Amino acid sequence: DASPGTSCPVVEAVRGTDFCVLVTEPTPFGLNDLKLAVEMAEELGVPVGVVINRADLGDGRVEEFCEAKGIPVLMRIPFRREIAEAYSEGLPLVEAFPEYRERFLELIEKIGEVG
């Protein structure tokens, strides 16, 4: 796990890994940061996959970018106020919403397939 962005600590966290999961939002800022992170991973030779948070907001530009670059979208998490509230209380998503447990297990399987 690393902080957002592409600062030196992030580069060092990604360097030498087998796979990098990039989490983004479908906003102009999210797309810009995603492009920078993908460029960084490409320079390091690390394959990536994307998780789109608040996936039902914004437009389709993040999805279009991923498709054009051949980057798999591994998971889409919709915007739900209840998810934001659980996060603000420090609750892991799978504890607050047990139905997501299976989705995260599927995410791990997808990473194994593409990573």
N, C-alpha and C. Protein backbone atom coordinates (compact mmCIF):
# COMPACT_ATOMS: atom_id res chain seq x y z
N ASP A 1 0.85 -1.17 0.00
CA ASP A 1 0.00 0.00 0.00
C ASP A 1 0.90 1.24 0.00
N ALA A 2 0.46 2.25 -0.69
CA ALA A 2 1.22 3.49 -0.77
C ALA A 2 0.26 4.67 -0.79
N SER A 3 0.79 5.83 -0.49
CA SER A 3 -0.02 7.04 -0.52
C SER A 3 -0.41 7.36 -1.96
N PRO A 4 -1.40 8.23 -2.14
CA PRO A 4 -1.80 8.61 -3.50
C PRO A 4 -0.68 9.36 -4.21
N GLY A 5 -0.75 9.34 -5.52
CA GLY A 5 0.18 10.12 -6.32
C GLY A 5 1.35 9.31 -6.82
N THR A 6 2.39 10.03 -7.24
CA THR A 6 3.57 9.39 -7.81
C THR A 6 4.85 9.96 -7.20
N SER A 7 4.80 10.31 -5.93
CA SER A 7 5.98 10.86 -5.25
C SER A 7 7.04 9.78 -5.08
N CYS A 8 8.21 10.18 -4.62
CA CYS A 8 9.33 9.25 -4.45
C CYS A 8 8.97 8.04 -3.58
N PRO A 9 8.27 8.21 -2.44
CA PRO A 9 7.92 7.03 -1.65
C PRO A 9 7.01 6.06 -2.41
N VAL A 10 6.14 6.59 -3.25
CA VAL A 10 5.26 5.73 -4.05
C VAL A 10 6.08 4.95 -5.07
N VAL A 11 6.98 5.63 -5.74
CA VAL A 11 7.84 4.97 -6.73
C VAL A 11 8.61 3.83 -6.06
N GLU A 12 9.16 4.09 -4.89
CA GLU A 12 9.93 3.06 -4.19
C GLU A 12 9.04 1.91 -3.72
N ALA A 13 7.80 2.20 -3.35
CA ALA A 13 6.87 1.14 -2.94
C ALA A 13 6.50 0.24 -4.11
N VAL A 14 6.41 0.81 -5.30
CA VAL A 14 6.01 0.06 -6.50
C VAL A 14 7.19 -0.66 -7.14
N ARG A 15 8.36 -0.09 -7.05
CA ARG A 15 9.55 -0.66 -7.70
C ARG A 15 9.75 -2.11 -7.24
N GLY A 16 9.90 -3.01 -8.21
CA GLY A 16 10.19 -4.40 -7.90
C GLY A 16 8.98 -5.25 -7.54
N THR A 17 7.79 -4.67 -7.56
CA THR A 17 6.60 -5.47 -7.26
C THR A 17 6.17 -6.25 -8.50
N ASP A 18 5.37 -7.27 -8.26
CA ASP A 18 4.87 -8.10 -9.36
C ASP A 18 3.68 -7.47 -10.07
N PHE A 19 2.93 -6.63 -9.34
CA PHE A 19 1.70 -6.07 -9.88
C PHE A 19 1.31 -4.88 -9.03
N CYS A 20 0.66 -3.90 -9.64
CA CYS A 20 0.23 -2.71 -8.92
C CYS A 20 -1.26 -2.48 -9.17
N VAL A 21 -2.03 -2.39 -8.10
CA VAL A 21 -3.45 -2.05 -8.19
C VAL A 21 -3.57 -0.55 -7.99
N LEU A 22 -4.09 0.14 -9.00
CA LEU A 22 -4.28 1.58 -8.93
C LEU A 22 -5.75 1.87 -8.66
N VAL A 23 -6.01 2.64 -7.63
CA VAL A 23 -7.38 3.00 -7.26
C VAL A 23 -7.61 4.43 -7.71
N THR A 24 -8.71 4.65 -8.42
CA THR A 24 -8.99 5.98 -8.96
C THR A 24 -10.47 6.27 -8.86
N GLU A 25 -10.84 7.47 -9.20
CA GLU A 25 -12.24 7.89 -9.29
C GLU A 25 -12.47 8.43 -10.70
N PRO A 26 -13.71 8.35 -11.18
CA PRO A 26 -14.01 8.82 -12.54
C PRO A 26 -14.21 10.33 -12.60
N THR A 27 -13.17 11.06 -12.23
CA THR A 27 -13.19 12.53 -12.26
C THR A 27 -12.00 13.00 -13.08
N PRO A 28 -12.00 14.25 -13.52
CA PRO A 28 -10.82 14.75 -14.24
C PRO A 28 -9.53 14.61 -13.43
N PHE A 29 -9.58 14.91 -12.13
CA PHE A 29 -8.39 14.78 -11.29
C PHE A 29 -7.98 13.32 -11.16
N GLY A 30 -8.98 12.45 -10.99
CA GLY A 30 -8.69 11.02 -10.89
C GLY A 30 -8.03 10.50 -12.15
N LEU A 31 -8.54 10.91 -13.31
CA LEU A 31 -7.96 10.48 -14.58
C LEU A 31 -6.54 11.00 -14.74
N ASN A 32 -6.31 12.25 -14.39
CA ASN A 32 -4.97 12.82 -14.49
C ASN A 32 -3.98 12.04 -13.62
N ASP A 33 -4.36 11.80 -12.37
CA ASP A 33 -3.49 11.05 -11.46
C ASP A 33 -3.29 9.62 -11.95
N LEU A 34 -4.33 9.02 -12.51
CA LEU A 34 -4.22 7.66 -13.04
C LEU A 34 -3.21 7.62 -14.18
N LYS A 35 -3.28 8.58 -15.07
CA LYS A 35 -2.33 8.63 -16.19
C LYS A 35 -0.90 8.72 -15.68
N LEU A 36 -0.67 9.56 -14.67
CA LEU A 36 0.67 9.69 -14.10
C LEU A 36 1.13 8.39 -13.46
N ALA A 37 0.22 7.73 -12.74
CA ALA A 37 0.57 6.47 -12.07
C ALA A 37 0.84 5.37 -13.08
N VAL A 38 0.06 5.32 -14.15
CA VAL A 38 0.29 4.32 -15.20
C VAL A 38 1.64 4.56 -15.85
N GLU A 39 1.95 5.82 -16.13
CA GLU A 39 3.25 6.15 -16.74
C GLU A 39 4.40 5.70 -15.83
N MET A 40 4.25 5.95 -14.53
CA MET A 40 5.27 5.55 -13.57
C MET A 40 5.44 4.03 -13.59
N ALA A 41 4.33 3.30 -13.54
CA ALA A 41 4.39 1.84 -13.53
C ALA A 41 5.00 1.30 -14.82
N GLU A 42 4.65 1.93 -15.94
CA GLU A 42 5.24 1.51 -17.22
C GLU A 42 6.75 1.69 -17.21
N GLU A 43 7.21 2.83 -16.69
CA GLU A 43 8.65 3.09 -16.61
C GLU A 43 9.36 2.08 -15.72
N LEU A 44 8.65 1.59 -14.70
CA LEU A 44 9.23 0.60 -13.78
C LEU A 44 9.04 -0.83 -14.28
N GLY A 45 8.26 -0.99 -15.35
CA GLY A 45 8.00 -2.32 -15.87
C GLY A 45 7.06 -3.15 -15.01
N VAL A 46 6.17 -2.48 -14.28
CA VAL A 46 5.24 -3.16 -13.39
C VAL A 46 3.84 -3.14 -14.01
N PRO A 47 3.23 -4.31 -14.22
CA PRO A 47 1.87 -4.33 -14.77
C PRO A 47 0.87 -3.77 -13.76
N VAL A 48 -0.22 -3.22 -14.29
CA VAL A 48 -1.22 -2.59 -13.42
C VAL A 48 -2.63 -3.08 -13.76
N GLY A 49 -3.49 -2.91 -12.78
CA GLY A 49 -4.93 -3.07 -12.94
C GLY A 49 -5.56 -1.93 -12.16
N VAL A 50 -6.82 -1.64 -12.46
CA VAL A 50 -7.48 -0.48 -11.87
C VAL A 50 -8.72 -0.89 -11.10
N VAL A 51 -8.91 -0.25 -9.96
CA VAL A 51 -10.15 -0.29 -9.20
C VAL A 51 -10.73 1.11 -9.28
N ILE A 52 -11.99 1.20 -9.70
CA ILE A 52 -12.64 2.51 -9.81
C ILE A 52 -13.57 2.68 -8.63
N ASN A 53 -13.24 3.63 -7.78
CA ASN A 53 -14.06 3.97 -6.63
C ASN A 53 -15.09 5.02 -7.04
N ARG A 54 -16.27 4.96 -6.47
CA ARG A 54 -17.37 5.87 -6.84
C ARG A 54 -17.63 5.77 -8.35
N ALA A 55 -17.65 4.54 -8.83
CA ALA A 55 -17.66 4.25 -10.26
C ALA A 55 -18.89 4.76 -11.00
N ASP A 56 -19.97 4.96 -10.30
CA ASP A 56 -21.19 5.39 -10.97
C ASP A 56 -21.30 6.91 -11.09
N LEU A 57 -20.27 7.63 -10.66
CA LEU A 57 -20.25 9.08 -10.81
C LEU A 57 -19.34 9.44 -11.97
N GLY A 58 -19.36 10.67 -12.40
CA GLY A 58 -18.46 11.12 -13.45
C GLY A 58 -18.85 10.60 -14.83
N ASP A 59 -17.87 10.66 -15.72
CA ASP A 59 -18.13 10.20 -17.09
C ASP A 59 -17.31 8.94 -17.36
N GLY A 60 -17.25 8.53 -18.60
CA GLY A 60 -16.59 7.28 -18.94
C GLY A 60 -15.13 7.41 -19.34
N ARG A 61 -14.51 8.55 -19.08
CA ARG A 61 -13.14 8.76 -19.56
C ARG A 61 -12.11 7.83 -18.90
N VAL A 62 -12.30 7.50 -17.64
CA VAL A 62 -11.36 6.57 -16.98
C VAL A 62 -11.46 5.20 -17.64
N GLU A 63 -12.69 4.74 -17.86
CA GLU A 63 -12.89 3.44 -18.52
C GLU A 63 -12.31 3.46 -19.93
N GLU A 64 -12.53 4.55 -20.66
CA GLU A 64 -12.00 4.67 -22.03
C GLU A 64 -10.47 4.64 -22.02
N PHE A 65 -9.87 5.33 -21.08
CA PHE A 65 -8.41 5.34 -20.97
C PHE A 65 -7.89 3.93 -20.71
N CYS A 66 -8.52 3.24 -19.76
CA CYS A 66 -8.09 1.87 -19.43
C CYS A 66 -8.22 0.96 -20.64
N GLU A 67 -9.33 1.06 -21.33
CA GLU A 67 -9.55 0.23 -22.51
C GLU A 67 -8.49 0.53 -23.58
N ALA A 68 -8.23 1.80 -23.82
CA ALA A 68 -7.26 2.18 -24.85
C ALA A 68 -5.85 1.70 -24.50
N LYS A 69 -5.52 1.66 -23.21
CA LYS A 69 -4.19 1.24 -22.77
C LYS A 69 -4.11 -0.26 -22.51
N GLY A 70 -5.25 -0.95 -22.62
CA GLY A 70 -5.25 -2.39 -22.34
C GLY A 70 -5.09 -2.70 -20.86
N ILE A 71 -5.56 -1.80 -20.02
CA ILE A 71 -5.45 -1.97 -18.56
C ILE A 71 -6.75 -2.57 -18.05
N PRO A 72 -6.67 -3.71 -17.35
CA PRO A 72 -7.90 -4.30 -16.84
C PRO A 72 -8.52 -3.49 -15.70
N VAL A 73 -9.83 -3.30 -15.78
CA VAL A 73 -10.57 -2.72 -14.66
C VAL A 73 -10.97 -3.91 -13.80
N LEU A 74 -10.38 -4.00 -12.62
CA LEU A 74 -10.52 -5.17 -11.77
C LEU A 74 -11.78 -5.13 -10.92
N MET A 75 -12.21 -3.93 -10.56
CA MET A 75 -13.40 -3.79 -9.71
C MET A 75 -13.96 -2.39 -9.86
N ARG A 76 -15.26 -2.30 -9.71
CA ARG A 76 -15.95 -1.01 -9.68
C ARG A 76 -16.73 -0.95 -8.37
N ILE A 77 -16.46 0.07 -7.60
CA ILE A 77 -17.16 0.26 -6.33
C ILE A 77 -18.07 1.47 -6.50
N PRO A 78 -19.38 1.29 -6.35
CA PRO A 78 -20.29 2.42 -6.56
C PRO A 78 -20.23 3.42 -5.42
N PHE A 79 -20.72 4.62 -5.70
CA PHE A 79 -20.84 5.61 -4.63
C PHE A 79 -22.07 5.25 -3.81
N ARG A 80 -21.84 5.09 -2.53
CA ARG A 80 -22.93 4.90 -1.57
C ARG A 80 -22.56 5.68 -0.32
N ARG A 81 -23.47 6.47 0.12
CA ARG A 81 -23.22 7.27 1.33
C ARG A 81 -22.81 6.37 2.50
N GLU A 82 -23.44 5.20 2.58
CA GLU A 82 -23.15 4.28 3.68
C GLU A 82 -21.69 3.81 3.65
N ILE A 83 -21.15 3.64 2.45
CA ILE A 83 -19.74 3.23 2.33
C ILE A 83 -18.85 4.35 2.84
N ALA A 84 -19.14 5.58 2.45
CA ALA A 84 -18.35 6.73 2.90
C ALA A 84 -18.42 6.87 4.42
N GLU A 85 -19.60 6.65 4.99
CA GLU A 85 -19.75 6.75 6.44
C GLU A 85 -18.94 5.67 7.16
N ALA A 86 -18.99 4.45 6.64
CA ALA A 86 -18.22 3.35 7.25
C ALA A 86 -16.73 3.66 7.18
N TYR A 87 -16.28 4.16 6.03
CA TYR A 87 -14.87 4.51 5.85
C TYR A 87 -14.46 5.58 6.85
N SER A 88 -15.31 6.59 7.03
CA SER A 88 -14.97 7.69 7.95
C SER A 88 -14.91 7.20 9.40
N GLU A 89 -15.58 6.08 9.68
CA GLU A 89 -15.54 5.50 11.01
C GLU A 89 -14.40 4.49 11.16
N GLY A 90 -13.63 4.31 10.09
CA GLY A 90 -12.50 3.39 10.15
C GLY A 90 -12.87 1.93 9.96
N LEU A 91 -14.07 1.66 9.48
CA LEU A 91 -14.50 0.28 9.27
C LEU A 91 -14.07 -0.21 7.90
N PRO A 92 -13.44 -1.37 7.84
CA PRO A 92 -13.14 -1.95 6.52
C PRO A 92 -14.44 -2.24 5.77
N LEU A 93 -14.41 -2.07 4.48
CA LEU A 93 -15.59 -2.25 3.65
C LEU A 93 -16.22 -3.62 3.85
N VAL A 94 -15.40 -4.66 3.93
CA VAL A 94 -15.94 -6.02 4.06
C VAL A 94 -16.56 -6.28 5.42
N GLU A 95 -16.20 -5.50 6.42
CA GLU A 95 -16.86 -5.63 7.73
C GLU A 95 -18.20 -4.90 7.73
N ALA A 96 -18.20 -3.71 7.18
CA ALA A 96 -19.43 -2.92 7.16
C ALA A 96 -20.45 -3.49 6.18
N PHE A 97 -19.96 -4.08 5.09
CA PHE A 97 -20.82 -4.63 4.04
C PHE A 97 -20.31 -6.01 3.65
N PRO A 98 -20.73 -7.04 4.37
CA PRO A 98 -20.22 -8.40 4.12
C PRO A 98 -20.40 -8.87 2.68
N GLU A 99 -21.35 -8.29 1.95
CA GLU A 99 -21.55 -8.70 0.56
C GLU A 99 -20.33 -8.36 -0.31
N TYR A 100 -19.47 -7.48 0.16
CA TYR A 100 -18.27 -7.13 -0.60
C TYR A 100 -17.13 -8.14 -0.40
N ARG A 101 -17.26 -8.99 0.59
CA ARG A 101 -16.22 -9.99 0.84
C ARG A 101 -15.96 -10.83 -0.40
N GLU A 102 -17.03 -11.32 -1.03
CA GLU A 102 -16.90 -12.13 -2.24
C GLU A 102 -16.29 -11.32 -3.38
N ARG A 103 -16.67 -10.07 -3.48
CA ARG A 103 -16.12 -9.22 -4.55
C ARG A 103 -14.61 -9.03 -4.39
N PHE A 104 -14.16 -8.90 -3.15
CA PHE A 104 -12.72 -8.74 -2.93
C PHE A 104 -11.97 -10.05 -3.16
N LEU A 105 -12.61 -11.18 -2.85
CA LEU A 105 -11.99 -12.47 -3.19
C LEU A 105 -11.87 -12.61 -4.70
N GLU A 106 -12.89 -12.16 -5.43
CA GLU A 106 -12.82 -12.17 -6.89
C GLU A 106 -11.72 -11.24 -7.39
N LEU A 107 -11.55 -10.11 -6.73
CA LEU A 107 -10.49 -9.17 -7.09
C LEU A 107 -9.12 -9.85 -6.97
N ILE A 108 -8.92 -10.58 -5.90
CA ILE A 108 -7.65 -11.29 -5.71
C ILE A 108 -7.45 -12.31 -6.82
N GLU A 109 -8.50 -13.02 -7.19
CA GLU A 109 -8.40 -13.99 -8.29
C GLU A 109 -8.04 -13.29 -9.60
N LYS A 110 -8.68 -12.15 -9.88
CA LYS A 110 -8.39 -11.41 -11.11
C LYS A 110 -6.93 -10.96 -11.15
N ILE A 111 -6.43 -10.50 -10.01
CA ILE A 111 -5.03 -10.07 -9.95
C ILE A 111 -4.12 -11.24 -10.28
N GLY A 112 -4.46 -12.41 -9.76
CA GLY A 112 -3.67 -13.60 -10.06
C GLY A 112 -3.69 -13.97 -11.53
N GLU A 113 -4.82 -13.70 -12.18
CA GLU A 113 -4.95 -14.03 -13.60
C GLU A 113 -4.17 -13.06 -14.49
N VAL A 114 -4.19 -11.79 -14.15
CA VAL A 114 -3.57 -10.79 -15.02
C VAL A 114 -2.17 -10.38 -14.56
N GLY A 115 -1.84 -10.68 -13.32
CA GLY A 115 -0.57 -10.23 -12.75
C GLY A 115 0.61 -11.04 -13.09
